[in-house]
């Protein structure tokens, strides 16, 4: 059981009925940075709603290369997992903790039940689909129309917005994996951005200057 005090931060999303129901039936789980929360091919039994931290949602090709689709923040759920739950199919994405996170896990049986009976839950689900769809379109546009140096700088400034800090604790390898390229390419482009006075490089740290 999850305390209602913990759920009050979502009072802007859900009415009292849903908050009471979540408090009674949901599980609260914690994950460490880099833990896999949902994996590709996994049977989904619960819908995740993020309470604290950030979660990266990725796709993987046949060669094991990953591509970052979007990042979930507090109050978000993963539209891809919602779709799989409704279709009763296996997960097509991998969700990884970008930092230590707390997640509410709601049994999938309640998703349809609440969707048909509660306006606040229905609005939350539909809005989640729209937001994630827009983010995926942005990812496609970035891949199709932006050069790698532009994609890299956008990735860094997006992380500044996400963390509310211009100091990013991230490795070149982590960036390369998210952007589906090599660490050598990322290191070269980061040096280029530093020469352009857009960033400052440190040990496993990047400071974004031009923001």
C-alpha atoms as a PDB file:
ATOM      1  CA  UNK A   1       0.000   0.000   0.000  1.00  0.00           C
ATOM      2  CA  UNK A   2       1.238   3.483  -0.919  1.00  0.00           C
ATOM      3  CA  UNK A   3       0.500   6.378   1.408  1.00  0.00           C
ATOM      4  CA  UNK A   4      -1.896   9.028   0.115  1.00  0.00           C
ATOM      5  CA  UNK A   5       0.636  11.667   1.163  1.00  0.00           C
ATOM      6  CA  UNK A   6       3.097  10.207  -1.364  1.00  0.00           C
ATOM      7  CA  UNK A   7       0.446  10.453  -4.084  1.00  0.00           C
ATOM      8  CA  UNK A   8      -0.651  14.020  -3.326  1.00  0.00           C
ATOM      9  CA  UNK A   9       2.001  15.294  -5.737  1.00  0.00           C
ATOM     10  CA  UNK A  10      -0.253  13.876  -8.467  1.00  0.00           C
ATOM     11  CA  UNK A  11      -3.415  15.674  -7.315  1.00  0.00           C
ATOM     12  CA  UNK A  12      -3.105  17.881 -10.407  1.00  0.00           C
ATOM     13  CA  UNK A  13      -3.411  14.728 -12.554  1.00  0.00           C
ATOM     14  CA  UNK A  14      -5.873  12.486 -10.726  1.00  0.00           C
ATOM     15  CA  UNK A  15      -9.044  12.954  -8.712  1.00  0.00           C
ATOM     16  CA  UNK A  16      -9.440  11.605  -5.168  1.00  0.00           C
ATOM     17  CA  UNK A  17     -11.042   8.364  -6.384  1.00  0.00           C
ATOM     18  CA  UNK A  18      -8.018   7.356  -8.476  1.00  0.00           C
ATOM     19  CA  UNK A  19      -5.569   8.468  -5.793  1.00  0.00           C
ATOM     20  CA  UNK A  20      -7.395   6.272  -3.266  1.00  0.00           C
ATOM     21  CA  UNK A  21      -7.429   3.316  -5.665  1.00  0.00           C
ATOM     22  CA  UNK A  22      -3.725   3.677  -6.492  1.00  0.00           C
ATOM     23  CA  UNK A  23      -2.934   3.892  -2.788  1.00  0.00           C
ATOM     24  CA  UNK A  24      -4.734   0.584  -2.170  1.00  0.00           C
ATOM     25  CA  UNK A  25      -3.623  -1.555  -5.129  1.00  0.00           C
ATOM     26  CA  UNK A  26      -0.329  -0.231  -6.527  1.00  0.00           C
ATOM     27  CA  UNK A  27       3.234  -1.248  -5.591  1.00  0.00           C
ATOM     28  CA  UNK A  28       6.053   1.206  -4.953  1.00  0.00           C
ATOM     29  CA  UNK A  29       9.387   0.054  -6.380  1.00  0.00           C
ATOM     30  CA  UNK A  30      12.848   1.621  -6.343  1.00  0.00           C
ATOM     31  CA  UNK A  31      15.598   1.151  -8.927  1.00  0.00           C
ATOM     32  CA  UNK A  32      19.247   2.190  -8.969  1.00  0.00           C
ATOM     33  CA  UNK A  33      20.882   4.095 -11.827  1.00  0.00           C
ATOM     34  CA  UNK A  34      21.263   1.861 -14.915  1.00  0.00           C
ATOM     35  CA  UNK A  35      18.822  -0.776 -13.598  1.00  0.00           C
ATOM     36  CA  UNK A  36      16.536  -2.184 -16.317  1.00  0.00           C
ATOM     37  CA  UNK A  37      12.922  -1.483 -15.339  1.00  0.00           C
ATOM     38  CA  UNK A  38      11.258  -2.903 -18.468  1.00  0.00           C
ATOM     39  CA  UNK A  39      13.110  -5.003 -21.038  1.00  0.00           C
ATOM     40  CA  UNK A  40      12.487  -5.936 -24.659  1.00  0.00           C
ATOM     41  CA  UNK A  41      10.479  -9.143 -24.946  1.00  0.00           C
ATOM     42  CA  UNK A  42       9.184  -8.921 -21.376  1.00  0.00           C
ATOM     43  CA  UNK A  43       5.553  -9.745 -20.589  1.00  0.00           C
ATOM     44  CA  UNK A  44       4.071  -6.625 -19.039  1.00  0.00           C
ATOM     45  CA  UNK A  45       1.862  -7.072 -15.999  1.00  0.00           C
ATOM     46  CA  UNK A  46       2.011  -3.539 -14.560  1.00  0.00           C
ATOM     47  CA  UNK A  47       1.839   0.053 -15.784  1.00  0.00           C
ATOM     48  CA  UNK A  48       4.684   2.241 -14.456  1.00  0.00           C
ATOM     49  CA  UNK A  49       4.187   5.820 -13.276  1.00  0.00           C
ATOM     50  CA  UNK A  50       7.369   7.628 -12.313  1.00  0.00           C
ATOM     51  CA  UNK A  51       7.440   9.345  -8.910  1.00  0.00           C
ATOM     52  CA  UNK A  52      11.077  10.392  -8.656  1.00  0.00           C
ATOM     53  CA  UNK A  53      14.070  10.483 -11.021  1.00  0.00           C
ATOM     54  CA  UNK A  54      14.327  10.017 -14.793  1.00  0.00           C
ATOM     55  CA  UNK A  55      13.949   6.949 -17.020  1.00  0.00           C
ATOM     56  CA  UNK A  56      15.411   6.483 -20.512  1.00  0.00           C
ATOM     57  CA  UNK A  57      13.226   4.623 -23.021  1.00  0.00           C
ATOM     58  CA  UNK A  58      15.199   2.941 -25.819  1.00  0.00           C
ATOM     59  CA  UNK A  59      14.780   0.757 -28.890  1.00  0.00           C
ATOM     60  CA  UNK A  60      17.317  -1.874 -29.953  1.00  0.00           C
ATOM     61  CA  UNK A  61      18.192  -3.143 -33.444  1.00  0.00           C
ATOM     62  CA  UNK A  62      19.138  -6.707 -34.413  1.00  0.00           C
ATOM     63  CA  UNK A  63      22.815  -5.973 -33.749  1.00  0.00           C
ATOM     64  CA  UNK A  64      22.175  -4.778 -30.194  1.00  0.00           C
ATOM     65  CA  UNK A  65      22.582  -1.046 -30.939  1.00  0.00           C
ATOM     66  CA  UNK A  66      20.299   1.131 -28.833  1.00  0.00           C
ATOM     67  CA  UNK A  67      18.551   4.371 -29.772  1.00  0.00           C
ATOM     68  CA  UNK A  68      17.101   6.781 -27.211  1.00  0.00           C
ATOM     69  CA  UNK A  69      13.414   7.475 -27.932  1.00  0.00           C
ATOM     70  CA  UNK A  70      12.529   9.758 -25.021  1.00  0.00           C
ATOM     71  CA  UNK A  71      13.095  10.374 -21.322  1.00  0.00           C
ATOM     72  CA  UNK A  72      10.387  10.062 -18.655  1.00  0.00           C
ATOM     73  CA  UNK A  73      10.151  12.517 -15.763  1.00  0.00           C
ATOM     74  CA  UNK A  74       8.121  12.571 -12.535  1.00  0.00           C
ATOM     75  CA  UNK A  75       4.426  12.063 -13.269  1.00  0.00           C
ATOM     76  CA  UNK A  76       5.100  10.410 -16.654  1.00  0.00           C
ATOM     77  CA  UNK A  77       4.225   6.955 -17.873  1.00  0.00           C
ATOM     78  CA  UNK A  78       5.536   5.110 -20.925  1.00  0.00           C
ATOM     79  CA  UNK A  79       3.089   5.142 -23.845  1.00  0.00           C
ATOM     80  CA  UNK A  80       4.895   2.193 -25.439  1.00  0.00           C
ATOM     81  CA  UNK A  81       4.258   0.068 -22.359  1.00  0.00           C
ATOM     82  CA  UNK A  82       0.609   1.209 -22.303  1.00  0.00           C
ATOM     83  CA  UNK A  83       0.211   0.055 -25.913  1.00  0.00           C
ATOM     84  CA  UNK A  84       1.777  -3.324 -25.163  1.00  0.00           C
ATOM     85  CA  UNK A  85      -0.451  -3.750 -22.115  1.00  0.00           C
ATOM     86  CA  UNK A  86      -3.613  -3.003 -24.099  1.00  0.00           C
ATOM     87  CA  UNK A  87      -2.566  -5.371 -26.891  1.00  0.00           C
ATOM     88  CA  UNK A  88      -1.364  -7.955 -24.357  1.00  0.00           C
ATOM     89  CA  UNK A  89       1.898  -8.187 -26.287  1.00  0.00           C
ATOM     90  CA  UNK A  90       5.516  -8.311 -25.145  1.00  0.00           C
ATOM     91  CA  UNK A  91       7.484  -5.118 -24.563  1.00  0.00           C
ATOM     92  CA  UNK A  92       9.100  -3.562 -27.635  1.00  0.00           C
ATOM     93  CA  UNK A  93      11.208  -1.114 -25.625  1.00  0.00           C
ATOM     94  CA  UNK A  94      13.811  -1.069 -22.868  1.00  0.00           C
ATOM     95  CA  UNK A  95      13.341   1.323 -19.944  1.00  0.00           C
ATOM     96  CA  UNK A  96      16.485   2.072 -17.921  1.00  0.00           C
ATOM     97  CA  UNK A  97      16.867   4.203 -14.787  1.00  0.00           C
ATOM     98  CA  UNK A  98      18.863   7.298 -15.759  1.00  0.00           C
ATOM     99  CA  UNK A  99      19.371   7.916 -12.031  1.00  0.00           C
ATOM    100  CA  UNK A 100      17.951   6.391  -8.847  1.00  0.00           C
ATOM    101  CA  UNK A 101      14.175   6.273  -9.337  1.00  0.00           C
ATOM    102  CA  UNK A 102      10.916   5.475  -7.562  1.00  0.00           C
ATOM    103  CA  UNK A 103       8.088   4.023  -9.634  1.00  0.00           C
ATOM    104  CA  UNK A 104       4.447   3.209  -8.938  1.00  0.00           C
ATOM    105  CA  UNK A 105       3.491  -0.112 -10.554  1.00  0.00           C
ATOM    106  CA  UNK A 106      -0.238  -0.472 -11.315  1.00  0.00           C
ATOM    107  CA  UNK A 107      -1.692  -3.875 -12.363  1.00  0.00           C
ATOM    108  CA  UNK A 108      -2.792  -3.701 -16.011  1.00  0.00           C
ATOM    109  CA  UNK A 109      -6.325  -4.881 -15.209  1.00  0.00           C
ATOM    110  CA  UNK A 110      -7.028  -1.477 -13.690  1.00  0.00           C
ATOM    111  CA  UNK A 111      -5.889   0.465 -16.764  1.00  0.00           C
ATOM    112  CA  UNK A 112      -8.981  -0.417 -18.834  1.00  0.00           C
ATOM    113  CA  UNK A 113     -11.295  -0.378 -15.833  1.00  0.00           C
ATOM    114  CA  UNK A 114     -10.322   3.178 -14.865  1.00  0.00           C
ATOM    115  CA  UNK A 115     -10.166   4.330 -18.496  1.00  0.00           C
ATOM    116  CA  UNK A 116     -13.849   3.457 -18.896  1.00  0.00           C
ATOM    117  CA  UNK A 117     -14.989   4.834 -15.555  1.00  0.00           C
ATOM    118  CA  UNK A 118     -12.823   7.812 -14.568  1.00  0.00           C
ATOM    119  CA  UNK A 119     -12.330  11.084 -16.451  1.00  0.00           C
ATOM    120  CA  UNK A 120      -9.025  12.069 -14.809  1.00  0.00           C
ATOM    121  CA  UNK A 121      -7.425   8.683 -15.571  1.00  0.00           C
ATOM    122  CA  UNK A 122      -8.727   8.724 -19.154  1.00  0.00           C
ATOM    123  CA  UNK A 123      -7.290  12.223 -19.679  1.00  0.00           C
ATOM    124  CA  UNK A 124      -3.944  11.110 -18.213  1.00  0.00           C
ATOM    125  CA  UNK A 125      -3.681   8.112 -20.563  1.00  0.00           C
ATOM    126  CA  UNK A 126      -4.681  10.057 -23.685  1.00  0.00           C
ATOM    127  CA  UNK A 127      -2.368  12.952 -22.840  1.00  0.00           C
ATOM    128  CA  UNK A 128       0.504  10.504 -22.212  1.00  0.00           C
ATOM    129  CA  UNK A 129       0.006   9.023 -25.670  1.00  0.00           C
ATOM    130  CA  UNK A 130       0.057  12.487 -27.249  1.00  0.00           C
ATOM    131  CA  UNK A 131       3.163  13.694 -25.407  1.00  0.00           C
ATOM    132  CA  UNK A 132       5.161  10.537 -26.126  1.00  0.00           C
ATOM    133  CA  UNK A 133       4.016  10.564 -29.781  1.00  0.00           C
ATOM    134  CA  UNK A 134       5.238  14.155 -30.148  1.00  0.00           C
ATOM    135  CA  UNK A 135       8.571  13.220 -28.565  1.00  0.00           C
ATOM    136  CA  UNK A 136       8.996  10.288 -30.934  1.00  0.00           C
ATOM    137  CA  UNK A 137       8.261  12.554 -33.914  1.00  0.00           C
ATOM    138  CA  UNK A 138      10.939  14.917 -32.607  1.00  0.00           C
ATOM    139  CA  UNK A 139      13.377  11.986 -32.414  1.00  0.00           C
ATOM    140  CA  UNK A 140      12.584  11.008 -36.006  1.00  0.00           C
ATOM    141  CA  UNK A 141      13.022  14.620 -37.174  1.00  0.00           C
ATOM    142  CA  UNK A 142      16.353  14.799 -35.368  1.00  0.00           C
ATOM    143  CA  UNK A 143      17.589  11.612 -37.053  1.00  0.00           C
ATOM    144  CA  UNK A 144      16.347  12.632 -40.483  1.00  0.00           C
ATOM    145  CA  UNK A 145      17.231  16.313 -40.636  1.00  0.00           C
ATOM    146  CA  UNK A 146      20.060  17.087 -38.206  1.00  0.00           C
ATOM    147  CA  UNK A 147      23.773  16.401 -38.517  1.00  0.00           C
ATOM    148  CA  UNK A 148      25.469  14.484 -35.699  1.00  0.00           C
ATOM    149  CA  UNK A 149      27.038  17.599 -34.140  1.00  0.00           C
ATOM    150  CA  UNK A 150      23.605  19.249 -34.043  1.00  0.00           C
ATOM    151  CA  UNK A 151      22.045  16.106 -32.579  1.00  0.00           C
ATOM    152  CA  UNK A 152      24.766  16.002 -29.925  1.00  0.00           C
ATOM    153  CA  UNK A 153      24.311  19.613 -28.857  1.00  0.00           C
ATOM    154  CA  UNK A 154      20.521  19.180 -28.754  1.00  0.00           C
ATOM    155  CA  UNK A 155      21.016  16.058 -26.623  1.00  0.00           C
ATOM    156  CA  UNK A 156      23.143  18.061 -24.167  1.00  0.00           C
ATOM    157  CA  UNK A 157      20.751  21.019 -23.958  1.00  0.00           C
ATOM    158  CA  UNK A 158      17.794  18.639 -23.523  1.00  0.00           C
ATOM    159  CA  UNK A 159      19.632  17.100 -20.552  1.00  0.00           C
ATOM    160  CA  UNK A 160      20.186  20.579 -19.098  1.00  0.00           C
ATOM    161  CA  UNK A 161      16.420  21.157 -19.217  1.00  0.00           C
ATOM    162  CA  UNK A 162      15.764  17.723 -17.747  1.00  0.00           C
ATOM    163  CA  UNK A 163      18.166  18.040 -14.819  1.00  0.00           C
ATOM    164  CA  UNK A 164      17.839  21.824 -14.326  1.00  0.00           C
ATOM    165  CA  UNK A 165      21.639  21.983 -14.240  1.00  0.00           C
ATOM    166  CA  UNK A 166      24.264  23.004 -16.795  1.00  0.00           C
ATOM    167  CA  UNK A 167      26.715  20.530 -15.202  1.00  0.00           C
ATOM    168  CA  UNK A 168      26.074  17.079 -16.659  1.00  0.00           C
ATOM    169  CA  UNK A 169      27.697  14.015 -15.089  1.00  0.00           C
ATOM    170  CA  UNK A 170      27.820  11.751 -18.121  1.00  0.00           C
ATOM    171  CA  UNK A 171      30.455   9.780 -20.017  1.00  0.00           C
ATOM    172  CA  UNK A 172      31.258   9.908 -23.723  1.00  0.00           C
ATOM    173  CA  UNK A 173      30.294   6.229 -23.946  1.00  0.00           C
ATOM    174  CA  UNK A 174      26.849   6.836 -22.436  1.00  0.00           C
ATOM    175  CA  UNK A 175      26.181   9.604 -24.943  1.00  0.00           C
ATOM    176  CA  UNK A 176      27.375   7.408 -27.811  1.00  0.00           C
ATOM    177  CA  UNK A 177      25.003   4.624 -26.781  1.00  0.00           C
ATOM    178  CA  UNK A 178      22.034   6.996 -26.541  1.00  0.00           C
ATOM    179  CA  UNK A 179      22.766   8.498 -29.974  1.00  0.00           C
ATOM    180  CA  UNK A 180      23.628   5.130 -31.551  1.00  0.00           C
ATOM    181  CA  UNK A 181      27.127   6.100 -32.653  1.00  0.00           C
ATOM    182  CA  UNK A 182      30.713   5.434 -31.539  1.00  0.00           C
ATOM    183  CA  UNK A 183      32.495   6.900 -28.530  1.00  0.00           C
ATOM    184  CA  UNK A 184      35.289   8.122 -30.843  1.00  0.00           C
ATOM    185  CA  UNK A 185      32.807  10.189 -32.876  1.00  0.00           C
ATOM    186  CA  UNK A 186      31.251  11.671 -29.725  1.00  0.00           C
ATOM    187  CA  UNK A 187      34.644  12.538 -28.225  1.00  0.00           C
ATOM    188  CA  UNK A 188      35.685  14.305 -31.451  1.00  0.00           C
ATOM    189  CA  UNK A 189      32.447  16.290 -31.661  1.00  0.00           C
ATOM    190  CA  UNK A 190      32.596  17.239 -27.976  1.00  0.00           C
ATOM    191  CA  UNK A 191      36.090  18.622 -28.532  1.00  0.00           C
ATOM    192  CA  UNK A 192      34.695  20.593 -31.477  1.00  0.00           C
ATOM    193  CA  UNK A 193      31.880  22.011 -29.307  1.00  0.00           C
ATOM    194  CA  UNK A 194      34.449  22.935 -26.657  1.00  0.00           C
ATOM    195  CA  UNK A 195      36.524  24.823 -29.239  1.00  0.00           C
ATOM    196  CA  UNK A 196      33.339  26.681 -30.206  1.00  0.00           C
ATOM    197  CA  UNK A 197      32.927  27.645 -26.506  1.00  0.00           C
ATOM    198  CA  UNK A 198      29.553  25.894 -26.294  1.00  0.00           C
ATOM    199  CA  UNK A 199      30.665  23.425 -23.626  1.00  0.00           C
ATOM    200  CA  UNK A 200      33.512  22.759 -21.201  1.00  0.00           C
ATOM    201  CA  UNK A 201      34.802  19.218 -20.753  1.00  0.00           C
ATOM    202  CA  UNK A 202      35.833  17.639 -17.442  1.00  0.00           C
ATOM    203  CA  UNK A 203      36.344  14.104 -16.154  1.00  0.00           C
ATOM    204  CA  UNK A 204      33.007  12.352 -16.764  1.00  0.00           C
ATOM    205  CA  UNK A 205      31.447  15.816 -16.668  1.00  0.00           C
ATOM    206  CA  UNK A 206      30.271  18.293 -19.285  1.00  0.00           C
ATOM    207  CA  UNK A 207      29.363  21.910 -18.545  1.00  0.00           C
ATOM    208  CA  UNK A 208      27.037  23.466 -21.115  1.00  0.00           C
ATOM    209  CA  UNK A 209      27.997  27.118 -21.597  1.00  0.00           C
ATOM    210  CA  UNK A 210      25.880  28.153 -24.577  1.00  0.00           C
ATOM    211  CA  UNK A 211      22.379  27.646 -23.236  1.00  0.00           C
END
